[in-house]
C-alpha cells in the first residue's frame, strides 16, 4: 500500500505533534518531511505531498481541501512567537517588512495594522522598514531587543474577541477515514504532554519553553478557532 506523504513544520510549536506521530504506529503509514510553513503550504498546493500542517492563508490557494483532525497551531491570546517588531509605536508605522516564511502571519500583521491600529501602510519584501514581521523560533528571546514588540495573537484577540489558528492539518484529497482517525489519535497523544519535547532544545534568555508550550500555545481546533479562520480569510481577501 502506498504511503501517505506528510509535510510538517520544523518549528518548536510543531514538536508535540511530531512527538505523537513518531511514537505512533501511524509513522509506518506515512512519508514525513519537515519544512518551514510556507514550504509546507507550497508542497500541499503543488500536490507534492498528500497533506501537511499549513498556514491558514494558504487555504485560499487550494481548489479543494480537507481539514484533518481536531488539532492546530493556535493560541487564545498571546502566542509569544508571532510578532511585529518595530522601531516605532504601532500607530506610527508606515512601512512593514514581511517575513518570507509565513504568509498567514504577514496577512495577520497587515489586518491588524489596517483594522486595529488604523494604519495605511506600505509593505516591502526587502530592505528597510519601520517594522517587520517575524515568526517561530527566530523570535525566541528577542522581545527585549527591540523598542516595540507586538504579539499578534494578543492583538487579534483584543480586536475580535476570538482565539486564532495559525496553521491546520490539511489534505488536498480525501484520505481514508481509518488513517484520519489514527493520525488524529497520534496528534492527541503528542499534545497531551507537550513539555516532554523540551529537553535538548536551545536555551534563550527571557524565554521559557514550558510556558510557551503549555500556556501560550493552544493546540485544540475549537469551533471558535474555526470561526477565527473564516473571519481571517474574509479580512485577508480585502487586503
Protein backbone atom coordinates (compact mmCIF):
# COMPACT_ATOMS: atom_id res chain seq x y z
CA UNK A 1 0.00 0.00 0.00
CA UNK A 2 1.32 3.44 -0.97
CA UNK A 3 2.37 5.57 1.97
CA UNK A 4 0.69 8.94 2.60
CA UNK A 5 3.16 11.82 2.26
CA UNK A 6 3.02 14.39 5.05
CA UNK A 7 4.80 17.74 5.43
CA UNK A 8 5.23 19.13 8.95
CA UNK A 9 6.83 22.31 10.27
CA UNK A 10 10.31 22.47 11.76
CA UNK A 11 9.42 24.99 14.50
CA UNK A 12 9.19 24.19 18.21
CA UNK A 13 5.41 24.71 18.11
CA UNK A 14 5.05 21.56 16.00
CA UNK A 15 7.33 19.32 18.08
CA UNK A 16 4.45 17.98 20.23
CA UNK A 17 2.69 16.84 17.05
CA UNK A 18 5.88 15.25 15.73
CA UNK A 19 6.37 13.57 19.10
CA UNK A 20 2.95 11.96 18.82
CA UNK A 21 3.45 10.92 15.20
CA UNK A 22 6.90 9.41 15.75
CA UNK A 23 5.73 7.44 18.78
CA UNK A 24 2.69 6.06 16.96
CA UNK A 25 2.19 3.18 14.56
CA UNK A 26 0.96 5.82 12.07
CA UNK A 27 4.63 6.54 11.33
CA UNK A 28 4.83 3.31 9.31
CA UNK A 29 1.99 4.56 7.06
CA UNK A 30 3.50 7.92 6.10
CA UNK A 31 6.47 9.55 4.43
CA UNK A 32 7.28 12.51 6.67
CA UNK A 33 9.18 15.66 5.67
CA UNK A 34 9.86 18.70 7.83
CA UNK A 35 9.83 22.21 6.34
CA UNK A 36 9.14 25.84 7.21
CA UNK A 37 5.46 26.91 6.99
CA UNK A 38 5.44 28.46 3.52
CA UNK A 39 7.17 25.38 2.08
CA UNK A 40 4.63 23.07 3.73
CA UNK A 41 1.90 25.07 2.06
CA UNK A 42 3.67 25.02 -1.32
CA UNK A 43 4.05 21.23 -1.21
CA UNK A 44 0.38 20.67 -0.40
CA UNK A 45 -0.79 23.16 -3.05
CA UNK A 46 1.55 21.66 -5.69
CA UNK A 47 0.35 18.14 -4.79
CA UNK A 48 3.91 17.14 -3.90
CA UNK A 49 2.56 15.75 -0.63
CA UNK A 50 -0.87 14.45 0.32
CA UNK A 51 -1.24 16.54 3.47
CA UNK A 52 0.57 18.94 5.76
CA UNK A 53 0.20 21.46 8.54
CA UNK A 54 -0.20 24.64 6.54
CA UNK A 55 -0.73 28.34 7.34
CA UNK A 56 -4.40 29.19 7.03
CA UNK A 57 -3.91 31.83 4.32
CA UNK A 58 -2.82 29.01 2.00
CA UNK A 59 -6.34 27.56 2.14
CA UNK A 60 -7.28 30.19 -0.42
CA UNK A 61 -4.91 28.57 -2.94
CA UNK A 62 -6.39 25.09 -2.69
CA UNK A 63 -9.32 24.33 -5.02
CA UNK A 64 -10.45 21.68 -2.57
CA UNK A 65 -9.14 20.75 0.84
CA UNK A 66 -9.99 18.68 3.89
CA UNK A 67 -9.07 19.76 7.42
CA UNK A 68 -7.76 16.68 9.20
CA UNK A 69 -8.35 16.07 12.89
CA UNK A 70 -9.11 18.19 15.92
CA UNK A 71 -5.79 19.98 16.36
CA UNK A 72 -3.98 23.07 15.10
CA UNK A 73 -1.25 25.53 15.92
CA UNK A 74 -3.27 28.13 17.80
CA UNK A 75 -3.50 30.49 20.72
CA UNK A 76 -6.18 32.14 22.80
CA UNK A 77 -4.46 35.49 23.15
CA UNK A 78 -0.70 36.00 23.18
CA UNK A 79 1.25 33.27 21.33
CA UNK A 80 4.81 34.53 22.02
CA UNK A 81 6.17 33.52 18.60
CA UNK A 82 4.32 35.69 16.05
CA UNK A 83 5.31 39.35 16.23
CA UNK A 84 5.56 42.72 14.64
CA UNK A 85 8.90 44.07 15.85
CA UNK A 86 9.08 47.83 15.38
CA UNK A 87 11.20 50.89 15.90
CA UNK A 88 8.01 52.96 16.31
CA UNK A 89 4.69 52.67 18.14
CA UNK A 90 2.12 50.79 16.06
CA UNK A 91 0.06 53.93 15.39
CA UNK A 92 3.12 55.49 13.70
CA UNK A 93 4.15 52.57 11.47
CA UNK A 94 4.21 53.46 7.75
CA UNK A 95 6.23 50.59 6.25
CA UNK A 96 6.26 46.88 7.06
CA UNK A 97 8.85 44.28 6.04
CA UNK A 98 7.23 40.88 5.51
CA UNK A 99 8.54 37.53 6.75
CA UNK A 100 9.25 35.17 3.84
CA UNK A 101 8.43 32.12 5.96
CA UNK A 102 4.72 32.70 6.62
CA UNK A 103 2.07 34.33 4.51
CA UNK A 104 -0.54 33.93 7.26
CA UNK A 105 1.40 35.99 9.79
CA UNK A 106 2.14 38.64 7.16
CA UNK A 107 -1.58 38.84 6.49
CA UNK A 108 -2.41 38.96 10.19
CA UNK A 109 0.03 41.83 10.70
CA UNK A 110 -1.48 43.76 7.79
CA UNK A 111 -5.03 43.10 9.01
CA UNK A 112 -4.21 44.36 12.50
CA UNK A 113 -2.39 47.43 11.22
CA UNK A 114 -5.34 48.28 8.97
CA UNK A 115 -8.28 47.49 11.25
CA UNK A 116 -6.91 47.66 14.80
CA UNK A 117 -4.33 50.43 14.54
CA UNK A 118 -5.95 52.20 11.54
CA UNK A 119 -2.72 52.41 9.56
CA UNK A 120 -2.49 52.61 5.77
CA UNK A 121 0.94 51.08 5.41
CA UNK A 122 3.27 50.16 2.55
CA UNK A 123 4.58 46.60 2.59
CA UNK A 124 8.04 45.62 1.40
CA UNK A 125 9.79 42.28 0.97
CA UNK A 126 13.36 43.58 1.10
CA UNK A 127 15.27 46.50 2.56
CA UNK A 128 14.50 48.78 5.47
CA UNK A 129 11.12 49.44 7.09
CA UNK A 130 9.64 50.91 10.26
CA UNK A 131 8.62 47.42 11.40
CA UNK A 132 8.95 43.80 10.41
CA UNK A 133 7.06 40.54 10.85
CA UNK A 134 8.93 37.65 12.47
CA UNK A 135 7.61 34.23 13.43
CA UNK A 136 8.62 30.97 15.02
CA UNK A 137 11.80 30.06 16.84
CA UNK A 138 13.62 33.08 15.39
CA UNK A 139 11.57 35.27 17.77
CA UNK A 140 12.60 33.47 20.96
CA UNK A 141 14.18 35.86 23.45
CA UNK A 142 14.06 38.83 21.07
CA UNK A 143 11.24 40.85 22.66
CA UNK A 144 13.62 42.84 24.85
CA UNK A 145 15.96 43.66 21.97
CA UNK A 146 13.60 45.96 20.04
CA UNK A 147 11.79 49.16 21.06
CA UNK A 148 8.32 47.69 20.37
CA UNK A 149 7.17 44.07 20.16
CA UNK A 150 3.54 43.41 19.23
CA UNK A 151 2.29 39.85 19.83
CA UNK A 152 -0.21 39.28 17.03
CA UNK A 153 -2.20 36.64 18.90
CA UNK A 154 -2.82 39.13 21.71
CA UNK A 155 -3.97 41.91 19.40
CA UNK A 156 -6.16 39.62 17.29
CA UNK A 157 -7.96 38.57 20.50
CA UNK A 158 -8.22 42.23 21.54
CA UNK A 159 -9.72 43.18 18.17
CA UNK A 160 -12.08 40.24 17.58
CA UNK A 161 -12.60 38.54 20.94
CA UNK A 162 -11.59 35.28 19.25
CA UNK A 163 -8.68 32.87 19.60
CA UNK A 164 -6.60 32.23 16.48
CA UNK A 165 -5.48 29.23 14.44
CA UNK A 166 -2.22 29.92 12.61
CA UNK A 167 -1.96 26.55 10.87
CA UNK A 168 -4.13 23.47 10.42
CA UNK A 169 -3.60 19.92 9.21
CA UNK A 170 -4.96 19.80 5.66
CA UNK A 171 -5.08 17.24 2.87
CA UNK A 172 -5.53 18.07 -0.80
CA UNK A 173 -7.54 14.89 -1.36
CA UNK A 174 -9.88 12.69 0.63
CA UNK A 175 -7.89 10.29 2.77
CA UNK A 176 -9.13 7.03 4.30
CA UNK A 177 -11.18 7.58 7.43
CA UNK A 178 -9.19 4.94 9.31
CA UNK A 179 -5.99 6.87 8.58
CA UNK A 180 -7.54 10.17 9.67
CA UNK A 181 -8.67 8.67 12.97
CA UNK A 182 -5.25 7.14 13.64
CA UNK A 183 -3.45 10.33 12.68
CA UNK A 184 -5.73 12.38 14.94
CA UNK A 185 -5.07 9.97 17.81
CA UNK A 186 -1.32 10.40 17.31
CA UNK A 187 -1.68 14.19 17.44
CA UNK A 188 -3.80 13.93 20.59
CA UNK A 189 -1.16 11.83 22.32
CA UNK A 190 1.62 14.25 21.36
CA UNK A 191 -0.10 17.39 22.63
CA UNK A 192 -1.21 15.73 25.86
CA UNK A 193 2.32 16.18 27.27
CA UNK A 194 3.99 18.92 25.20
CA UNK A 195 6.67 19.70 27.78
CA UNK A 196 8.32 16.33 27.00
CA UNK A 197 9.89 17.89 23.88
CA UNK A 198 11.85 20.50 25.88
CA UNK A 199 14.99 18.57 26.90
CA UNK A 200 17.84 19.34 24.50
CA UNK A 201 16.28 22.46 22.94
CA UNK A 202 18.48 25.58 22.62
CA UNK A 203 18.38 27.93 25.60
CA UNK A 204 17.31 31.56 25.08
CA UNK A 205 17.40 34.45 27.51
CA UNK A 206 13.94 35.73 28.51
CA UNK A 207 12.14 32.75 27.01
CA UNK A 208 10.56 29.81 28.80
CA UNK A 209 9.63 26.73 26.76
CA UNK A 210 7.22 25.29 29.33
CA UNK A 211 5.19 28.50 29.44
CA UNK A 212 5.23 28.69 25.66
CA UNK A 213 4.15 25.08 25.05
CA UNK A 214 1.60 24.74 27.85
CA UNK A 215 0.16 28.25 28.22
CA UNK A 216 0.71 30.33 25.08
CA UNK A 217 0.04 27.60 22.53
CA UNK A 218 -3.44 26.09 22.35
CA UNK A 219 -3.48 23.03 20.09
CA UNK A 220 -7.24 22.37 20.05
CA UNK A 221 -9.15 23.27 16.88
CA UNK A 222 -12.29 24.54 18.58
CA UNK A 223 -15.42 25.98 16.93
CA UNK A 224 -14.18 29.43 17.98
CA UNK A 225 -10.89 28.87 16.16
CA UNK A 226 -12.79 27.75 13.06
CA UNK A 227 -14.77 30.98 13.30
CA UNK A 228 -11.49 32.87 13.56
CA UNK A 229 -10.22 31.17 10.40
CA UNK A 230 -13.30 32.28 8.49
CA UNK A 231 -13.02 35.82 9.90
CA UNK A 232 -9.34 36.00 8.99
CA UNK A 233 -9.87 34.73 5.44
CA UNK A 234 -12.63 37.31 4.87
CA UNK A 235 -10.35 40.13 6.05
CA UNK A 236 -7.37 38.72 4.16
CA UNK A 237 -9.26 38.77 0.86
CA UNK A 238 -9.90 42.50 1.41
CA UNK A 239 -6.25 43.45 1.75
